[in-house]
N, C-alpha and C. Protein backbone atom coordinates (compact mmCIF):
# COMPACT_ATOMS: atom_id res chain seq x y z
N MET A 1 14.36 18.41 40.00
CA MET A 1 13.22 17.85 39.96
C MET A 1 13.03 16.80 38.71
N LEU A 2 13.40 17.45 37.65
CA LEU A 2 13.44 16.57 36.27
C LEU A 2 14.30 15.40 36.36
N MET A 3 15.34 15.75 36.86
CA MET A 3 16.49 14.97 37.01
C MET A 3 16.05 13.62 38.01
N ASP A 4 15.58 13.83 39.05
CA ASP A 4 15.05 13.06 39.90
C ASP A 4 13.87 11.92 39.29
N ARG A 5 13.00 12.57 38.50
CA ARG A 5 11.93 11.89 37.85
C ARG A 5 12.71 11.00 36.93
N ALA A 6 13.60 11.38 35.99
CA ALA A 6 14.25 10.53 34.90
C ALA A 6 15.05 9.57 35.64
N ILE A 7 15.83 9.69 36.68
CA ILE A 7 16.86 8.70 37.39
C ILE A 7 16.56 8.83 38.70
N PRO A 8 15.37 8.18 39.35
CA PRO A 8 14.97 7.95 40.46
C PRO A 8 15.99 7.57 41.54
N ASP A 9 16.95 6.87 41.12
CA ASP A 9 17.83 6.54 42.29
C ASP A 9 19.44 7.13 41.94
N GLY A 10 19.27 8.42 41.14
CA GLY A 10 20.41 8.96 40.59
C GLY A 10 21.15 9.98 41.62
N GLU A 11 20.15 10.19 42.98
CA GLU A 11 21.03 11.01 43.79
C GLU A 11 21.98 10.55 44.68
N VAL A 12 23.17 11.10 44.94
CA VAL A 12 24.23 10.57 45.59
C VAL A 12 24.20 11.51 46.96
N THR A 13 24.46 10.93 48.17
CA THR A 13 24.43 11.68 49.38
C THR A 13 25.78 10.95 50.24
N GLY A 14 26.15 11.92 51.34
CA GLY A 14 27.15 11.18 51.98
C GLY A 14 28.63 11.52 51.34
N TYR A 15 28.75 12.17 50.38
CA TYR A 15 30.24 12.37 49.73
C TYR A 15 30.78 13.67 50.23
N GLU A 16 30.06 14.60 50.97
CA GLU A 16 30.54 15.87 51.16
C GLU A 16 31.78 15.74 52.25
N ALA A 17 31.97 14.79 53.02
CA ALA A 17 33.29 14.63 53.69
C ALA A 17 34.55 14.39 52.90
N LEU A 18 34.29 13.77 51.90
CA LEU A 18 35.33 13.36 50.94
C LEU A 18 35.91 14.71 50.34
N ILE A 19 35.33 15.76 49.90
CA ILE A 19 35.71 16.74 49.22
C ILE A 19 37.01 17.51 49.61
N GLN A 20 37.22 17.75 50.80
CA GLN A 20 38.32 18.32 51.29
C GLN A 20 39.84 17.44 50.97
N GLY A 21 39.63 16.50 50.95
CA GLY A 21 40.73 15.45 50.74
C GLY A 21 41.03 15.47 49.37
N LEU A 22 40.39 15.96 48.50
CA LEU A 22 40.70 15.61 46.97
C LEU A 22 41.19 16.99 46.48
N SER A 23 42.00 16.60 45.21
CA SER A 23 42.63 17.69 44.52
C SER A 23 42.59 17.47 43.01
N LEU A 24 41.78 18.70 42.49
CA LEU A 24 41.70 18.73 41.00
C LEU A 24 42.29 20.18 40.61
N PRO A 25 42.47 20.33 39.26
CA PRO A 25 42.75 21.33 38.70
C PRO A 25 41.76 22.58 39.07
N ASP A 26 40.64 22.34 39.09
CA ASP A 26 39.43 23.14 39.42
C ASP A 26 38.89 22.74 40.72
N ALA A 27 39.16 23.36 41.84
CA ALA A 27 38.48 23.04 43.15
C ALA A 27 37.32 22.89 43.42
N ASP A 28 36.51 23.58 42.14
CA ASP A 28 34.96 23.68 42.35
C ASP A 28 34.37 22.28 41.79
N ASP A 29 35.29 21.48 41.28
CA ASP A 29 34.89 20.29 40.68
C ASP A 29 35.09 18.89 41.52
N ARG A 30 35.49 19.26 42.76
CA ARG A 30 36.16 18.21 43.70
C ARG A 30 34.88 17.47 44.02
N HIS A 31 33.49 18.16 44.19
CA HIS A 31 32.44 17.46 44.62
C HIS A 31 31.88 16.31 43.68
N VAL A 32 32.19 16.54 42.44
CA VAL A 32 32.01 15.66 41.25
C VAL A 32 32.57 14.34 41.62
N LEU A 33 34.05 14.17 41.58
CA LEU A 33 34.84 13.20 42.19
C LEU A 33 34.30 12.59 43.55
N ALA A 34 34.04 13.45 44.36
CA ALA A 34 33.69 12.90 45.63
C ALA A 34 32.52 12.12 45.65
N ALA A 35 31.62 12.50 44.76
CA ALA A 35 30.15 11.87 44.43
C ALA A 35 30.49 10.58 43.64
N ALA A 36 31.63 10.51 42.74
CA ALA A 36 31.89 9.23 42.01
C ALA A 36 32.32 8.22 43.06
N ILE A 37 33.10 8.65 43.88
CA ILE A 37 33.95 7.80 44.68
C ILE A 37 32.86 7.33 45.53
N ARG A 38 32.14 7.92 46.15
CA ARG A 38 31.08 7.63 47.13
C ARG A 38 29.88 6.40 46.52
N CYS A 39 29.85 6.73 45.41
CA CYS A 39 28.82 5.64 44.70
C CYS A 39 29.45 4.59 43.90
N ASN A 40 30.74 4.67 43.89
CA ASN A 40 31.66 3.68 43.26
C ASN A 40 31.30 3.59 41.64
N ALA A 41 31.14 4.91 41.14
CA ALA A 41 31.12 5.14 39.72
C ALA A 41 32.55 4.93 39.13
N SER A 42 32.44 4.22 37.92
CA SER A 42 33.64 3.98 37.22
C SER A 42 33.96 5.16 36.17
N VAL A 43 32.97 6.11 35.81
CA VAL A 43 33.07 7.06 34.93
C VAL A 43 32.33 8.43 35.23
N ILE A 44 33.05 9.30 34.86
CA ILE A 44 32.60 10.74 35.12
C ILE A 44 32.20 11.26 33.76
N VAL A 45 31.09 11.59 33.33
CA VAL A 45 30.91 12.00 31.91
C VAL A 45 30.87 13.37 31.83
N THR A 46 31.81 14.16 31.26
CA THR A 46 32.03 15.33 31.15
C THR A 46 32.83 16.06 29.87
N PHE A 47 32.20 17.18 29.44
CA PHE A 47 32.97 17.68 28.35
C PHE A 47 34.19 18.53 28.79
N ASN A 48 34.38 18.64 30.22
CA ASN A 48 35.58 19.18 30.64
C ASN A 48 36.50 18.29 31.07
N GLN A 49 37.12 17.71 30.44
CA GLN A 49 37.90 16.45 30.73
C GLN A 49 39.22 17.01 31.23
N LYS A 50 39.56 18.21 30.81
CA LYS A 50 40.91 18.71 31.31
C LYS A 50 41.04 19.06 32.93
N ASP A 51 39.81 19.28 33.30
CA ASP A 51 39.86 19.15 34.78
C ASP A 51 39.67 18.09 35.54
N PHE A 52 39.74 16.93 34.88
CA PHE A 52 39.55 15.56 35.52
C PHE A 52 40.50 14.84 34.89
N PRO A 53 41.84 15.10 35.23
CA PRO A 53 43.13 14.31 34.76
C PRO A 53 43.10 12.99 35.13
N ALA A 54 43.47 12.04 34.18
CA ALA A 54 43.43 10.65 34.46
C ALA A 54 44.26 10.11 35.61
N SER A 55 45.37 10.92 35.82
CA SER A 55 46.48 10.52 36.72
C SER A 55 45.67 10.70 38.10
N THR A 56 44.86 11.59 38.41
CA THR A 56 44.31 12.04 39.57
C THR A 56 43.05 11.01 39.74
N LEU A 57 42.48 10.80 38.85
CA LEU A 57 41.17 9.84 39.06
C LEU A 57 41.51 8.42 39.05
N ALA A 58 42.54 7.93 38.50
CA ALA A 58 42.93 6.51 38.27
C ALA A 58 43.08 5.84 39.78
N PRO A 59 43.59 6.47 40.83
CA PRO A 59 43.62 5.70 42.14
C PRO A 59 42.20 5.45 42.68
N TYR A 60 41.28 6.07 42.08
CA TYR A 60 39.86 5.75 42.73
C TYR A 60 39.02 4.95 41.70
N GLY A 61 39.84 4.42 40.83
CA GLY A 61 39.13 3.50 39.76
C GLY A 61 38.19 4.19 38.88
N VAL A 62 38.27 5.64 38.68
CA VAL A 62 37.30 6.42 38.03
C VAL A 62 37.95 7.06 36.66
N GLU A 63 37.49 7.14 35.67
CA GLU A 63 38.06 7.89 34.28
C GLU A 63 37.02 8.79 34.02
N ALA A 64 37.50 9.81 33.24
CA ALA A 64 36.71 10.87 32.65
C ALA A 64 36.36 10.67 31.36
N GLN A 65 35.18 10.46 30.78
CA GLN A 65 34.70 10.46 29.37
C GLN A 65 34.05 11.46 28.73
N HIS A 66 34.24 11.84 27.57
CA HIS A 66 33.74 12.84 26.92
C HIS A 66 32.36 12.35 26.53
N PRO A 67 31.27 12.85 26.81
CA PRO A 67 29.86 12.36 26.50
C PRO A 67 29.77 11.60 25.13
N ASP A 68 30.33 12.17 24.07
CA ASP A 68 30.23 11.39 22.64
C ASP A 68 30.93 9.95 22.81
N GLU A 69 31.93 9.99 23.75
CA GLU A 69 32.59 8.50 23.80
C GLU A 69 31.72 7.57 24.82
N PHE A 70 30.98 8.22 25.69
CA PHE A 70 30.13 7.50 26.54
C PHE A 70 29.12 6.95 25.71
N ILE A 71 28.33 7.60 25.11
CA ILE A 71 27.11 7.50 24.33
C ILE A 71 27.61 6.38 23.21
N ASP A 72 28.69 6.42 22.46
CA ASP A 72 29.16 5.53 21.51
C ASP A 72 29.39 4.16 22.29
N ASP A 73 29.84 4.05 23.56
CA ASP A 73 29.99 2.96 24.25
C ASP A 73 28.58 2.28 24.64
N LEU A 74 27.63 3.23 24.96
CA LEU A 74 26.38 2.68 25.12
C LEU A 74 25.58 2.21 24.03
N PHE A 75 25.88 2.84 22.83
CA PHE A 75 25.43 2.42 21.58
C PHE A 75 25.88 0.97 21.42
N ASP A 76 27.00 0.56 21.65
CA ASP A 76 27.57 -0.70 21.30
C ASP A 76 26.88 -1.80 22.15
N LEU A 77 26.47 -1.26 23.54
CA LEU A 77 25.92 -2.16 24.34
C LEU A 77 24.61 -2.45 23.99
N ASP A 78 23.64 -1.28 23.79
CA ASP A 78 22.30 -1.44 23.69
C ASP A 78 21.78 -0.30 22.62
N PRO A 79 22.16 -0.45 21.36
CA PRO A 79 21.48 0.52 20.39
C PRO A 79 20.08 0.84 20.50
N ALA A 80 19.26 0.16 20.61
CA ALA A 80 17.81 0.45 20.98
C ALA A 80 17.73 1.57 22.12
N ALA A 81 18.15 1.35 23.18
CA ALA A 81 18.18 2.28 24.47
C ALA A 81 18.64 3.72 23.97
N VAL A 82 19.87 3.50 23.37
CA VAL A 82 20.30 5.21 22.73
C VAL A 82 19.15 5.61 21.86
N ILE A 83 18.66 4.87 20.86
CA ILE A 83 17.63 5.42 19.87
C ILE A 83 16.53 5.82 20.67
N CYS A 84 16.00 5.06 21.63
CA CYS A 84 14.73 5.42 22.37
C CYS A 84 15.04 6.61 22.98
N ALA A 85 16.13 6.88 23.78
CA ALA A 85 16.50 7.99 24.41
C ALA A 85 16.50 9.34 23.54
N ALA A 86 16.91 9.25 22.38
CA ALA A 86 17.15 10.15 21.39
C ALA A 86 15.74 10.60 20.86
N GLN A 87 14.95 9.54 20.69
CA GLN A 87 13.54 9.67 20.22
C GLN A 87 12.94 10.67 21.43
N ARG A 88 12.92 10.24 22.66
CA ARG A 88 12.50 10.72 23.82
C ARG A 88 12.87 12.20 24.01
N GLN A 89 14.11 12.36 23.90
CA GLN A 89 14.68 13.72 23.94
C GLN A 89 14.04 14.68 22.93
N ARG A 90 14.02 14.10 21.66
CA ARG A 90 13.57 15.22 20.59
C ARG A 90 12.29 15.49 20.71
N ARG A 91 11.35 14.31 21.25
CA ARG A 91 9.94 14.68 21.35
C ARG A 91 9.81 15.77 22.49
N GLN A 92 10.65 15.72 23.43
CA GLN A 92 10.26 16.74 24.78
C GLN A 92 10.68 18.19 24.35
N LEU A 93 11.54 18.20 23.35
CA LEU A 93 11.85 19.52 22.85
C LEU A 93 10.72 20.25 22.01
N LYS A 94 10.23 21.11 22.89
CA LYS A 94 8.93 21.70 22.25
C LYS A 94 9.02 23.26 21.93
N THR A 95 10.09 24.07 22.41
CA THR A 95 9.96 25.29 22.04
C THR A 95 11.32 25.73 21.81
N PRO A 96 11.28 25.75 20.58
CA PRO A 96 10.66 25.28 19.29
C PRO A 96 10.83 23.86 19.14
N PRO A 97 9.89 23.09 18.58
CA PRO A 97 9.97 21.51 18.27
C PRO A 97 11.06 21.59 17.25
N LEU A 98 11.84 20.48 17.00
CA LEU A 98 13.15 20.39 16.26
C LEU A 98 12.73 19.14 15.47
N CYS A 99 12.97 19.43 14.03
CA CYS A 99 12.79 18.45 12.88
C CYS A 99 14.09 17.56 13.20
N VAL A 100 14.18 16.37 12.70
CA VAL A 100 15.22 15.34 13.02
C VAL A 100 16.70 16.13 12.39
N ASP A 101 16.70 16.69 11.33
CA ASP A 101 17.88 17.25 11.07
C ASP A 101 18.30 18.31 11.94
N ASP A 102 17.59 19.15 12.51
CA ASP A 102 18.12 20.23 13.44
C ASP A 102 18.45 19.46 14.54
N TYR A 103 17.84 18.74 15.01
CA TYR A 103 18.20 17.78 16.31
C TYR A 103 19.44 17.37 16.34
N LEU A 104 19.77 16.58 15.18
CA LEU A 104 21.04 15.99 14.83
C LEU A 104 22.14 16.92 14.54
N ASP A 105 21.80 18.21 14.26
CA ASP A 105 22.64 19.21 13.97
C ASP A 105 23.24 19.83 15.42
N ILE A 106 22.25 20.05 16.19
CA ILE A 106 22.62 20.68 17.46
C ILE A 106 23.50 19.70 18.16
N LEU A 107 23.31 18.12 18.19
CA LEU A 107 24.14 17.28 18.86
C LEU A 107 25.44 17.08 18.26
N PHE A 108 25.75 17.52 16.95
CA PHE A 108 26.87 17.58 16.15
C PHE A 108 27.44 18.79 16.76
N ARG A 109 26.92 19.92 16.95
CA ARG A 109 27.38 21.35 17.20
C ARG A 109 28.09 21.40 18.65
N GLN A 110 27.43 20.36 19.44
CA GLN A 110 27.76 20.21 20.70
C GLN A 110 29.06 19.28 21.00
N GLY A 111 29.38 18.49 20.06
CA GLY A 111 30.41 17.87 20.00
C GLY A 111 30.15 16.35 20.20
N LEU A 112 28.93 15.95 19.86
CA LEU A 112 28.64 14.54 19.63
C LEU A 112 28.53 13.97 18.47
N VAL A 113 29.86 14.02 17.85
CA VAL A 113 30.02 13.70 16.31
C VAL A 113 29.86 12.21 16.07
N GLN A 114 30.40 11.24 16.90
CA GLN A 114 30.17 9.83 16.86
C GLN A 114 28.65 9.66 17.01
N THR A 115 28.30 10.07 17.88
CA THR A 115 26.69 9.98 18.18
C THR A 115 25.72 10.12 17.20
N VAL A 116 25.96 11.31 16.25
CA VAL A 116 25.30 11.77 15.25
C VAL A 116 25.60 10.69 14.16
N LYS A 117 26.80 10.31 13.91
CA LYS A 117 27.07 9.34 13.02
C LYS A 117 26.28 8.14 13.05
N ALA A 118 26.14 7.60 14.39
CA ALA A 118 25.47 6.23 14.75
C ALA A 118 24.01 6.67 14.58
N LEU A 119 23.56 7.79 14.84
CA LEU A 119 21.95 7.91 14.79
C LEU A 119 21.47 8.17 13.58
N LEU A 120 22.45 8.70 12.53
CA LEU A 120 22.01 9.00 11.14
C LEU A 120 21.45 7.63 10.30
N ALA A 121 22.08 6.62 10.73
CA ALA A 121 21.28 5.28 10.24
C ALA A 121 20.05 4.98 10.75
N TYR A 122 19.46 5.54 11.97
CA TYR A 122 18.32 5.29 12.37
C TYR A 122 17.30 6.66 12.12
N ARG A 123 17.89 7.64 11.35
CA ARG A 123 17.20 8.85 11.25
C ARG A 123 15.58 8.57 11.05
N PRO A 124 15.06 7.88 10.27
CA PRO A 124 13.68 7.65 10.00
C PRO A 124 12.78 7.32 11.43
N MET A 125 13.56 7.00 12.25
CA MET A 125 13.12 6.49 13.57
C MET A 125 13.03 7.51 14.68
N LEU A 126 13.98 8.47 14.55
CA LEU A 126 14.16 9.57 15.46
C LEU A 126 12.80 10.52 15.28
């Protein structure tokens, strides 16, 4: 429900028939690749890159990217959008509310090292 509100056109349908023909190290991840193929996505954003090998994804024109790399790319394209998203996310964290330093620390501990590095320059805005 929250995802549908955040990204109204983000739901992918009609990918189910593709699942059986796909092979990934973890068979439970095949639906992710099937959905990416169905909607012509070029990137699967995941912390779990080992289960999405480049050699398997390449024939479909898809690559797996770590979230930190993805956000870094977005930051290069539109820093204001990334800053606004970070502001919005921090504001929505209410149980408990997080100060900027705690918010950035959580992102860092989740592996978003480059993201935190980029956001530090905009700390007063967060």
